[in-house]
Amino acid sequence: MNFEIQFIPEAADDYTSFDGSIRKQVDEKIDKLKENPFIGETLGNKNNIDLTGYYKIYVAKKAYRIVYRIIKNEIEIIEIWGMGKRDKMEIYKIIKACSFGPV
């Protein structure tokens, strides 16, 4: 079963800001997510940033993270919430700032 992938607008902006080589690696990870959304690691409370319900996967030798969650409707959707450098948990802070909480 393939899952549908959706990007929130901020994550789409993150994706377009990457150079071609990073985008290619992101595309490969997203293709894997379509087949199995549970390949990522679950997130919880990270330094008082509650990311319960979200997952992360790494790209480019762990230099970048993709943060996503799984939405269950009639079909299951993987919603990409952010992509960014693995730098001082910045991507987690960004996700929390634009998050309305897990579904």
PDB file of N, CA and C in Angstrom:
ATOM      1  N   MET A   1       0.836  -1.184   0.000  1.00  0.00           N
ATOM      2  CA  MET A   1       0.000   0.000   0.000  1.00  0.00           C
ATOM      3  C   MET A   1       0.876   1.241   0.000  1.00  0.00           C
ATOM      4  N   ASN A   2       0.626   2.145  -0.914  1.00  0.00           N
ATOM      5  CA  ASN A   2       1.349   3.410  -0.930  1.00  0.00           C
ATOM      6  C   ASN A   2       0.548   4.473  -0.198  1.00  0.00           C
ATOM      7  N   PHE A   3       1.223   5.253   0.601  1.00  0.00           N
ATOM      8  CA  PHE A   3       0.607   6.335   1.345  1.00  0.00           C
ATOM      9  C   PHE A   3       0.749   7.618   0.546  1.00  0.00           C
ATOM     10  N   GLU A   4      -0.184   8.512   0.734  1.00  0.00           N
ATOM     11  CA  GLU A   4      -0.126   9.819   0.082  1.00  0.00           C
ATOM     12  C   GLU A   4       0.800  10.718   0.891  1.00  0.00           C
ATOM     13  N   ILE A   5       1.587  11.517   0.210  1.00  0.00           N
ATOM     14  CA  ILE A   5       2.492  12.460   0.871  1.00  0.00           C
ATOM     15  C   ILE A   5       1.970  13.871   0.630  1.00  0.00           C
ATOM     16  N   GLN A   6       1.876  14.657   1.684  1.00  0.00           N
ATOM     17  CA  GLN A   6       1.495  16.058   1.582  1.00  0.00           C
ATOM     18  C   GLN A   6       2.520  16.888   2.336  1.00  0.00           C
ATOM     19  N   PHE A   7       2.833  18.038   1.798  1.00  0.00           N
ATOM     20  CA  PHE A   7       3.736  18.980   2.456  1.00  0.00           C
ATOM     21  C   PHE A   7       2.909  20.148   2.981  1.00  0.00           C
ATOM     22  N   ILE A   8       3.136  20.565   4.227  1.00  0.00           N
ATOM     23  CA  ILE A   8       2.559  21.837   4.637  1.00  0.00           C
ATOM     24  C   ILE A   8       3.367  22.910   3.893  1.00  0.00           C
ATOM     25  N   PRO A   9       2.829  24.115   3.709  1.00  0.00           N
ATOM     26  CA  PRO A   9       3.522  25.128   2.897  1.00  0.00           C
ATOM     27  C   PRO A   9       4.959  25.418   3.335  1.00  0.00           C
ATOM     28  N   GLU A  10       5.200  25.468   4.631  1.00  0.00           N
ATOM     29  CA  GLU A  10       6.558  25.760   5.116  1.00  0.00           C
ATOM     30  C   GLU A  10       7.533  24.647   4.739  1.00  0.00           C
ATOM     31  N   ALA A  11       7.081  23.412   4.789  1.00  0.00           N
ATOM     32  CA  ALA A  11       7.952  22.293   4.410  1.00  0.00           C
ATOM     33  C   ALA A  11       8.212  22.303   2.911  1.00  0.00           C
ATOM     34  N   ALA A  12       7.222  22.698   2.123  1.00  0.00           N
ATOM     35  CA  ALA A  12       7.424  22.814   0.672  1.00  0.00           C
ATOM     36  C   ALA A  12       8.477  23.882   0.379  1.00  0.00           C
ATOM     37  N   ASP A  13       8.441  24.978   1.133  1.00  0.00           N
ATOM     38  CA  ASP A  13       9.467  26.018   0.978  1.00  0.00           C
ATOM     39  C   ASP A  13      10.845  25.481   1.349  1.00  0.00           C
ATOM     40  N   ASP A  14      10.907  24.699   2.444  1.00  0.00           N
ATOM     41  CA  ASP A  14      12.178  24.092   2.849  1.00  0.00           C
ATOM     42  C   ASP A  14      12.725  23.237   1.705  1.00  0.00           C
ATOM     43  N   TYR A  15      11.850  22.413   1.138  1.00  0.00           N
ATOM     44  CA  TYR A  15      12.251  21.495   0.063  1.00  0.00           C
ATOM     45  C   TYR A  15      12.802  22.262  -1.133  1.00  0.00           C
ATOM     46  N   THR A  16      12.119  23.308  -1.552  1.00  0.00           N
ATOM     47  CA  THR A  16      12.584  24.050  -2.735  1.00  0.00           C
ATOM     48  C   THR A  16      13.880  24.810  -2.462  1.00  0.00           C
ATOM     49  N   SER A  17      14.184  25.059  -1.198  1.00  0.00           N
ATOM     50  CA  SER A  17      15.430  25.778  -0.882  1.00  0.00           C
ATOM     51  C   SER A  17      16.666  24.873  -0.944  1.00  0.00           C
ATOM     52  N   PHE A  18      16.469  23.557  -0.957  1.00  0.00           N
ATOM     53  CA  PHE A  18      17.596  22.632  -0.999  1.00  0.00           C
ATOM     54  C   PHE A  18      18.215  22.594  -2.383  1.00  0.00           C
ATOM     55  N   ASP A  19      19.531  22.321  -2.431  1.00  0.00           N
ATOM     56  CA  ASP A  19      20.162  22.129  -3.735  1.00  0.00           C
ATOM     57  C   ASP A  19      19.764  20.758  -4.286  1.00  0.00           C
ATOM     58  N   GLY A  20      20.074  20.532  -5.532  1.00  0.00           N
ATOM     59  CA  GLY A  20      19.636  19.327  -6.231  1.00  0.00           C
ATOM     60  C   GLY A  20      20.059  18.029  -5.579  1.00  0.00           C
ATOM     61  N   SER A  21      21.269  17.968  -5.044  1.00  0.00           N
ATOM     62  CA  SER A  21      21.746  16.711  -4.453  1.00  0.00           C
ATOM     63  C   SER A  21      20.979  16.381  -3.167  1.00  0.00           C
ATOM     64  N   ILE A  22      20.680  17.386  -2.361  1.00  0.00           N
ATOM     65  CA  ILE A  22      19.906  17.160  -1.135  1.00  0.00           C
ATOM     66  C   ILE A  22      18.472  16.785  -1.509  1.00  0.00           C
ATOM     67  N   ARG A  23      17.901  17.491  -2.490  1.00  0.00           N
ATOM     68  CA  ARG A  23      16.534  17.183  -2.919  1.00  0.00           C
ATOM     69  C   ARG A  23      16.413  15.739  -3.405  1.00  0.00           C
ATOM     70  N   LYS A  24      17.436  15.272  -4.116  1.00  0.00           N
ATOM     71  CA  LYS A  24      17.409  13.890  -4.600  1.00  0.00           C
ATOM     72  C   LYS A  24      17.373  12.907  -3.425  1.00  0.00           C
ATOM     73  N   GLN A  25      18.167  13.168  -2.396  1.00  0.00           N
ATOM     74  CA  GLN A  25      18.175  12.299  -1.219  1.00  0.00           C
ATOM     75  C   GLN A  25      16.851  12.377  -0.463  1.00  0.00           C
ATOM     76  N   VAL A  26      16.255  13.571  -0.393  1.00  0.00           N
ATOM     77  CA  VAL A  26      14.948  13.730   0.234  1.00  0.00           C
ATOM     78  C   VAL A  26      13.906  12.932  -0.551  1.00  0.00           C
ATOM     79  N   ASP A  27      13.962  13.024  -1.880  1.00  0.00           N
ATOM     80  CA  ASP A  27      13.018  12.275  -2.727  1.00  0.00           C
ATOM     81  C   ASP A  27      13.116  10.771  -2.465  1.00  0.00           C
ATOM     82  N   GLU A  28      14.331  10.276  -2.310  1.00  0.00           N
ATOM     83  CA  GLU A  28      14.526   8.850  -2.050  1.00  0.00           C
ATOM     84  C   GLU A  28      13.895   8.454  -0.706  1.00  0.00           C
ATOM     85  N   LYS A  29      14.086   9.289   0.319  1.00  0.00           N
ATOM     86  CA  LYS A  29      13.485   8.998   1.631  1.00  0.00           C
ATOM     87  C   LYS A  29      11.961   9.062   1.558  1.00  0.00           C
ATOM     88  N   ILE A  30      11.436  10.023   0.829  1.00  0.00           N
ATOM     89  CA  ILE A  30       9.988  10.146   0.706  1.00  0.00           C
ATOM     90  C   ILE A  30       9.407   8.946  -0.027  1.00  0.00           C
ATOM     91  N   ASP A  31      10.120   8.455  -1.028  1.00  0.00           N
ATOM     92  CA  ASP A  31       9.662   7.235  -1.712  1.00  0.00           C
ATOM     93  C   ASP A  31       9.585   6.061  -0.735  1.00  0.00           C
ATOM     94  N   LYS A  32      10.559   5.970   0.162  1.00  0.00           N
ATOM     95  CA  LYS A  32      10.526   4.911   1.175  1.00  0.00           C
ATOM     96  C   LYS A  32       9.376   5.121   2.160  1.00  0.00           C
ATOM     97  N   LEU A  33       9.116   6.380   2.508  1.00  0.00           N
ATOM     98  CA  LEU A  33       8.009   6.685   3.413  1.00  0.00           C
ATOM     99  C   LEU A  33       6.662   6.284   2.818  1.00  0.00           C
ATOM    100  N   LYS A  34       6.514   6.459   1.509  1.00  0.00           N
ATOM    101  CA  LYS A  34       5.262   6.095   0.841  1.00  0.00           C
ATOM    102  C   LYS A  34       4.931   4.623   1.062  1.00  0.00           C
ATOM    103  N   GLU A  35       5.961   3.800   1.128  1.00  0.00           N
ATOM    104  CA  GLU A  35       5.762   2.364   1.304  1.00  0.00           C
ATOM    105  C   GLU A  35       5.647   1.971   2.774  1.00  0.00           C
ATOM    106  N   ASN A  36       6.372   2.661   3.645  1.00  0.00           N
ATOM    107  CA  ASN A  36       6.351   2.331   5.067  1.00  0.00           C
ATOM    108  C   ASN A  36       6.575   3.598   5.889  1.00  0.00           C
ATOM    109  N   PRO A  37       5.503   4.220   6.381  1.00  0.00           N
ATOM    110  CA  PRO A  37       5.666   5.472   7.124  1.00  0.00           C
ATOM    111  C   PRO A  37       6.285   5.301   8.500  1.00  0.00           C
ATOM    112  N   PHE A  38       6.481   4.061   8.931  1.00  0.00           N
ATOM    113  CA  PHE A  38       7.013   3.832  10.271  1.00  0.00           C
ATOM    114  C   PHE A  38       8.525   3.627  10.280  1.00  0.00           C
ATOM    115  N   ILE A  39       9.203   3.979   9.184  1.00  0.00           N
ATOM    116  CA  ILE A  39      10.660   3.844   9.165  1.00  0.00           C
ATOM    117  C   ILE A  39      11.340   4.916  10.009  1.00  0.00           C
ATOM    118  N   GLY A  40      10.634   5.993  10.288  1.00  0.00           N
ATOM    119  CA  GLY A  40      11.209   7.069  11.090  1.00  0.00           C
ATOM    120  C   GLY A  40      11.172   6.752  12.563  1.00  0.00           C
ATOM    121  N   GLU A  41      11.917   7.524  13.325  1.00  0.00           N
ATOM    122  CA  GLU A  41      11.938   7.391  14.781  1.00  0.00           C
ATOM    123  C   GLU A  41      10.837   8.271  15.371  1.00  0.00           C
ATOM    124  N   THR A  42      10.148   7.754  16.373  1.00  0.00           N
ATOM    125  CA  THR A  42       9.110   8.555  17.018  1.00  0.00           C
ATOM    126  C   THR A  42       9.740   9.674  17.832  1.00  0.00           C
ATOM    127  N   LEU A  43       9.039  10.779  17.873  1.00  0.00           N
ATOM    128  CA  LEU A  43       9.470  11.918  18.671  1.00  0.00           C
ATOM    129  C   LEU A  43       8.522  12.053  19.850  1.00  0.00           C
ATOM    130  N   GLY A  44       8.995  12.610  20.878  1.00  0.00           N
ATOM    131  CA  GLY A  44       8.182  12.870  22.064  1.00  0.00           C
ATOM    132  C   GLY A  44       8.463  14.274  22.532  1.00  0.00           C
ATOM    133  N   ASN A  45       8.847  14.403  23.779  1.00  0.00           N
ATOM    134  CA  ASN A  45       9.192  15.696  24.331  1.00  0.00           C
ATOM    135  C   ASN A  45      10.694  15.901  24.178  1.00  0.00           C
ATOM    136  N   LYS A  46      11.061  16.860  23.369  1.00  0.00           N
ATOM    137  CA  LYS A  46      12.472  17.179  23.129  1.00  0.00           C
ATOM    138  C   LYS A  46      12.764  18.547  23.733  1.00  0.00           C
ATOM    139  N   ASN A  47      13.460  18.581  24.848  1.00  0.00           N
ATOM    140  CA  ASN A  47      13.802  19.850  25.514  1.00  0.00           C
ATOM    141  C   ASN A  47      12.588  20.759  25.669  1.00  0.00           C
ATOM    142  N   ASN A  48      11.513  20.202  26.209  1.00  0.00           N
ATOM    143  CA  ASN A  48      10.259  20.929  26.439  1.00  0.00           C
ATOM    144  C   ASN A  48       9.551  21.347  25.158  1.00  0.00           C
ATOM    145  N   ILE A  49       9.849  20.689  24.042  1.00  0.00           N
ATOM    146  CA  ILE A  49       9.113  20.882  22.792  1.00  0.00           C
ATOM    147  C   ILE A  49       8.331  19.593  22.579  1.00  0.00           C
ATOM    148  N   ASP A  50       7.030  19.637  22.788  1.00  0.00           N
ATOM    149  CA  ASP A  50       6.213  18.428  22.706  1.00  0.00           C
ATOM    150  C   ASP A  50       5.932  18.082  21.249  1.00  0.00           C
ATOM    151  N   LEU A  51       6.559  17.024  20.774  1.00  0.00           N
ATOM    152  CA  LEU A  51       6.395  16.554  19.401  1.00  0.00           C
ATOM    153  C   LEU A  51       5.794  15.151  19.381  1.00  0.00           C
ATOM    154  N   THR A  52       4.991  14.854  20.375  1.00  0.00           N
ATOM    155  CA  THR A  52       4.310  13.567  20.425  1.00  0.00           C
ATOM    156  C   THR A  52       3.444  13.426  19.178  1.00  0.00           C
ATOM    157  N   GLY A  53       3.545  12.273  18.519  1.00  0.00           N
ATOM    158  CA  GLY A  53       2.777  12.031  17.298  1.00  0.00           C
ATOM    159  C   GLY A  53       3.551  12.300  16.032  1.00  0.00           C
ATOM    160  N   TYR A  54       4.746  12.842  16.157  1.00  0.00           N
ATOM    161  CA  TYR A  54       5.595  13.127  15.003  1.00  0.00           C
ATOM    162  C   TYR A  54       6.718  12.093  14.908  1.00  0.00           C
ATOM    163  N   TYR A  55       7.287  11.996  13.720  1.00  0.00           N
ATOM    164  CA  TYR A  55       8.415  11.108  13.451  1.00  0.00           C
ATOM    165  C   TYR A  55       9.510  11.914  12.779  1.00  0.00           C
ATOM    166  N   LYS A  56      10.731  11.369  12.822  1.00  0.00           N
ATOM    167  CA  LYS A  56      11.847  12.000  12.110  1.00  0.00           C
ATOM    168  C   LYS A  56      12.606  10.938  11.338  1.00  0.00           C
ATOM    169  N   ILE A  57      13.131  11.361  10.203  1.00  0.00           N
ATOM    170  CA  ILE A  57      14.102  10.555   9.464  1.00  0.00           C
ATOM    171  C   ILE A  57      15.229  11.492   9.057  1.00  0.00           C
ATOM    172  N   TYR A  58      16.382  10.914   8.890  1.00  0.00           N
ATOM    173  CA  TYR A  58      17.557  11.700   8.541  1.00  0.00           C
ATOM    174  C   TYR A  58      17.854  11.608   7.054  1.00  0.00           C
ATOM    175  N   VAL A  59      18.497  12.668   6.557  1.00  0.00           N
ATOM    176  CA  VAL A  59      18.916  12.747   5.161  1.00  0.00           C
ATOM    177  C   VAL A  59      20.334  13.303   5.145  1.00  0.00           C
ATOM    178  N   ALA A  60      21.096  12.930   4.139  1.00  0.00           N
ATOM    179  CA  ALA A  60      22.440  13.473   3.913  1.00  0.00           C
ATOM    180  C   ALA A  60      23.348  13.244   5.120  1.00  0.00           C
ATOM    181  N   LYS A  61      23.542  11.968   5.436  1.00  0.00           N
ATOM    182  CA  LYS A  61      24.425  11.573   6.538  1.00  0.00           C
ATOM    183  C   LYS A  61      24.059  12.272   7.845  1.00  0.00           C
ATOM    184  N   LYS A  62      22.770  12.336   8.111  1.00  0.00           N
ATOM    185  CA  LYS A  62      22.205  12.934   9.323  1.00  0.00           C
ATOM    186  C   LYS A  62      22.412  14.445   9.420  1.00  0.00           C
ATOM    187  N   ALA A  63      22.729  15.093   8.313  1.00  0.00           N
ATOM    188  CA  ALA A  63      22.887  16.548   8.337  1.00  0.00           C
ATOM    189  C   ALA A  63      21.531  17.248   8.364  1.00  0.00           C
ATOM    190  N   TYR A  64      20.489  16.592   7.843  1.00  0.00           N
ATOM    191  CA  TYR A  64      19.146  17.153   7.777  1.00  0.00           C
ATOM    192  C   TYR A  64      18.140  16.178   8.381  1.00  0.00           C
ATOM    193  N   ARG A  65      17.049  16.730   8.867  1.00  0.00           N
ATOM    194  CA  ARG A  65      15.946  15.920   9.377  1.00  0.00           C
ATOM    195  C   ARG A  65      14.702  16.228   8.567  1.00  0.00           C
ATOM    196  N   ILE A  66      13.874  15.211   8.381  1.00  0.00           N
ATOM    197  CA  ILE A  66      12.525  15.389   7.867  1.00  0.00           C
ATOM    198  C   ILE A  66      11.600  15.023   9.022  1.00  0.00           C
ATOM    199  N   VAL A  67      10.727  15.937   9.389  1.00  0.00           N
ATOM    200  CA  VAL A  67       9.787  15.703  10.478  1.00  0.00           C
ATOM    201  C   VAL A  67       8.397  15.576   9.865  1.00  0.00           C
ATOM    202  N   TYR A  68       7.687  14.514  10.254  1.00  0.00           N
ATOM    203  CA  TYR A  68       6.375  14.253   9.657  1.00  0.00           C
ATOM    204  C   TYR A  68       5.455  13.609  10.673  1.00  0.00           C
ATOM    205  N   ARG A  69       4.195  13.538  10.309  1.00  0.00           N
ATOM    206  CA  ARG A  69       3.223  12.812  11.115  1.00  0.00           C
ATOM    207  C   ARG A  69       2.297  12.051  10.165  1.00  0.00           C
ATOM    208  N   ILE A  70       1.607  11.081  10.692  1.00  0.00           N
ATOM    209  CA  ILE A  70       0.709  10.244   9.907  1.00  0.00           C
ATOM    210  C   ILE A  70      -0.717  10.645  10.259  1.00  0.00           C
ATOM    211  N   ILE A  71      -1.484  10.973   9.230  1.00  0.00           N
ATOM    212  CA  ILE A  71      -2.870  11.373   9.410  1.00  0.00           C
ATOM    213  C   ILE A  71      -3.748  10.235   8.924  1.00  0.00           C
ATOM    214  N   LYS A  72      -4.692   9.831   9.741  1.00  0.00           N
ATOM    215  CA  LYS A  72      -5.567   8.719   9.368  1.00  0.00           C
ATOM    216  C   LYS A  72      -6.959   9.254   9.040  1.00  0.00           C
ATOM    217  N   ASN A  73      -7.320   9.169   7.794  1.00  0.00           N
ATOM    218  CA  ASN A  73      -8.665   9.477   7.319  1.00  0.00           C
ATOM    219  C   ASN A  73      -9.161   8.229   6.615  1.00  0.00           C
ATOM    220  N   GLU A  74      -9.918   8.400   5.536  1.00  0.00           N
ATOM    221  CA  GLU A  74     -10.302   7.232   4.755  1.00  0.00           C
ATOM    222  C   GLU A  74      -9.060   6.567   4.163  1.00  0.00           C
ATOM    223  N   ILE A  75      -8.096   7.408   3.794  1.00  0.00           N
ATOM    224  CA  ILE A  75      -6.793   6.905   3.354  1.00  0.00           C
ATOM    225  C   ILE A  75      -5.765   7.466   4.332  1.00  0.00           C
ATOM    226  N   GLU A  76      -4.666   6.810   4.433  1.00  0.00           N
ATOM    227  CA  GLU A  76      -3.638   7.312   5.345  1.00  0.00           C
ATOM    228  C   GLU A  76      -2.716   8.256   4.590  1.00  0.00           C
ATOM    229  N   ILE A  77      -2.426   9.367   5.224  1.00  0.00           N
ATOM    230  CA  ILE A  77      -1.629  10.427   4.615  1.00  0.00           C
ATOM    231  C   ILE A  77      -0.408  10.679   5.495  1.00  0.00           C
ATOM    232  N   ILE A  78       0.710  10.865   4.864  1.00  0.00           N
ATOM    233  CA  ILE A  78       1.922  11.284   5.566  1.00  0.00           C
ATOM    234  C   ILE A  78       2.068  12.772   5.288  1.00  0.00           C
ATOM    235  N   GLU A  79       2.048  13.570   6.338  1.00  0.00           N
ATOM    236  CA  GLU A  79       2.114  15.014   6.205  1.00  0.00           C
ATOM    237  C   GLU A  79       3.505  15.469   6.643  1.00  0.00           C
ATOM    238  N   ILE A  80       4.259  16.024   5.715  1.00  0.00           N
ATOM    239  CA  ILE A  80       5.608  16.516   6.002  1.00  0.00           C
ATOM    240  C   ILE A  80       5.477  17.900   6.636  1.00  0.00           C
ATOM    241  N   TRP A  81       6.044  18.053   7.825  1.00  0.00           N
ATOM    242  CA  TRP A  81       5.932  19.298   8.560  1.00  0.00           C
ATOM    243  C   TRP A  81       7.178  20.164   8.500  1.00  0.00           C
ATOM    244  N   GLY A  82       8.298  19.597   8.176  1.00  0.00           N
ATOM    245  CA  GLY A  82       9.493  20.425   8.101  1.00  0.00           C
ATOM    246  C   GLY A  82      10.696  19.633   7.680  1.00  0.00           C
ATOM    247  N   MET A  83      11.639  20.351   7.133  1.00  0.00           N
ATOM    248  CA  MET A  83      12.925  19.782   6.757  1.00  0.00           C
ATOM    249  C   MET A  83      13.963  20.833   7.063  1.00  0.00           C
ATOM    250  N   GLY A  84      15.033  20.435   7.660  1.00  0.00           N
ATOM    251  CA  GLY A  84      16.051  21.415   7.955  1.00  0.00           C
ATOM    252  C   GLY A  84      17.303  20.786   8.502  1.00  0.00           C
ATOM    253  N   LYS A  85      18.316  21.618   8.581  1.00  0.00           N
ATOM    254  CA  LYS A  85      19.589  21.157   9.111  1.00  0.00           C
ATOM    255  C   LYS A  85      19.421  20.688  10.538  1.00  0.00           C
ATOM    256  N   ARG A  86      20.238  19.750  10.874  1.00  0.00           N
ATOM    257  CA  ARG A  86      20.250  19.197  12.229  1.00  0.00           C
ATOM    258  C   ARG A  86      21.104  20.128  13.081  1.00  0.00           C
ATOM    259  N   ASP A  87      20.506  21.229  13.516  1.00  0.00           N
ATOM    260  CA  ASP A  87      21.256  22.283  14.172  1.00  0.00           C
ATOM    261  C   ASP A  87      20.492  22.789  15.392  1.00  0.00           C
ATOM    262  N   LYS A  88      20.941  22.409  16.561  1.00  0.00           N
ATOM    263  CA  LYS A  88      20.412  22.911  17.836  1.00  0.00           C
ATOM    264  C   LYS A  88      18.895  22.771  17.929  1.00  0.00           C
ATOM    265  N   MET A  89      18.373  21.689  17.384  1.00  0.00           N
ATOM    266  CA  MET A  89      16.947  21.372  17.469  1.00  0.00           C
ATOM    267  C   MET A  89      16.078  22.448  16.846  1.00  0.00           C
ATOM    268  N   GLU A  90      16.629  23.240  15.945  1.00  0.00           N
ATOM    269  CA  GLU A  90      15.896  24.352  15.344  1.00  0.00           C
ATOM    270  C   GLU A  90      14.655  23.884  14.593  1.00  0.00           C
ATOM    271  N   ILE A  91      14.767  22.768  13.858  1.00  0.00           N
ATOM    272  CA  ILE A  91      13.602  22.284  13.111  1.00  0.00           C
ATOM    273  C   ILE A  91      12.473  21.905  14.061  1.00  0.00           C
ATOM    274  N   TYR A  92      12.781  21.380  15.212  1.00  0.00           N
ATOM    275  CA  TYR A  92      11.738  21.017  16.170  1.00  0.00           C
ATOM    276  C   TYR A  92      11.022  22.268  16.691  1.00  0.00           C
ATOM    277  N   LYS A  93      11.776  23.318  16.945  1.00  0.00           N
ATOM    278  CA  LYS A  93      11.179  24.569  17.414  1.00  0.00           C
ATOM    279  C   LYS A  93      10.258  25.152  16.345  1.00  0.00           C
ATOM    280  N   ILE A  94      10.679  25.063  15.102  1.00  0.00           N
ATOM    281  CA  ILE A  94       9.863  25.576  13.999  1.00  0.00           C
ATOM    282  C   ILE A  94       8.573  24.777  13.884  1.00  0.00           C
ATOM    283  N   ILE A  95       8.677  23.448  13.983  1.00  0.00           N
ATOM    284  CA  ILE A  95       7.493  22.585  13.887  1.00  0.00           C
ATOM    285  C   ILE A  95       6.519  22.927  15.006  1.00  0.00           C
ATOM    286  N   LYS A  96       7.018  23.064  16.206  1.00  0.00           N
ATOM    287  CA  LYS A  96       6.144  23.364  17.339  1.00  0.00           C
ATOM    288  C   LYS A  96       5.466  24.717  17.159  1.00  0.00           C
ATOM    289  N   ALA A  97       6.186  25.685  16.620  1.00  0.00           N
ATOM    290  CA  ALA A  97       5.625  27.024  16.446  1.00  0.00           C
ATOM    291  C   ALA A  97       4.465  27.036  15.451  1.00  0.00           C
ATOM    292  N   CYS A  98       4.504  26.177  14.440  1.00  0.00           N
ATOM    293  CA  CYS A  98       3.428  26.187  13.442  1.00  0.00           C
ATOM    294  C   CYS A  98       2.460  25.033  13.641  1.00  0.00           C
ATOM    295  N   SER A  99       2.627  24.273  14.700  1.00  0.00           N
ATOM    296  CA  SER A  99       1.803  23.096  14.949  1.00  0.00           C
ATOM    297  C   SER A  99       0.550  23.443  15.741  1.00  0.00           C
ATOM    298  N   PHE A 100      -0.514  22.757  15.393  1.00  0.00           N
ATOM    299  CA  PHE A 100      -1.739  22.827  16.181  1.00  0.00           C
ATOM    300  C   PHE A 100      -1.872  21.599  17.050  1.00  0.00           C
ATOM    301  N   GLY A 101      -0.812  20.794  17.123  1.00  0.00           N
ATOM    302  CA  GLY A 101      -0.827  19.567  17.920  1.00  0.00           C
ATOM    303  C   GLY A 101      -1.128  18.373  17.052  1.00  0.00           C
ATOM    304  N   PRO A 102      -0.761  17.183  17.530  1.00  0.00           N
ATOM    305  CA  PRO A 102      -0.972  15.952  16.768  1.00  0.00           C
ATOM    306  C   PRO A 102      -2.457  15.655  16.559  1.00  0.00           C
ATOM    307  N   VAL A 103      -2.714  14.986  15.463  1.00  0.00           N
ATOM    308  CA  VAL A 103      -4.084  14.588  15.151  1.00  0.00           C
ATOM    309  C   VAL A 103      -4.476  13.418  16.005  1.00  0.00           C
TER     310      VAL A 103
END
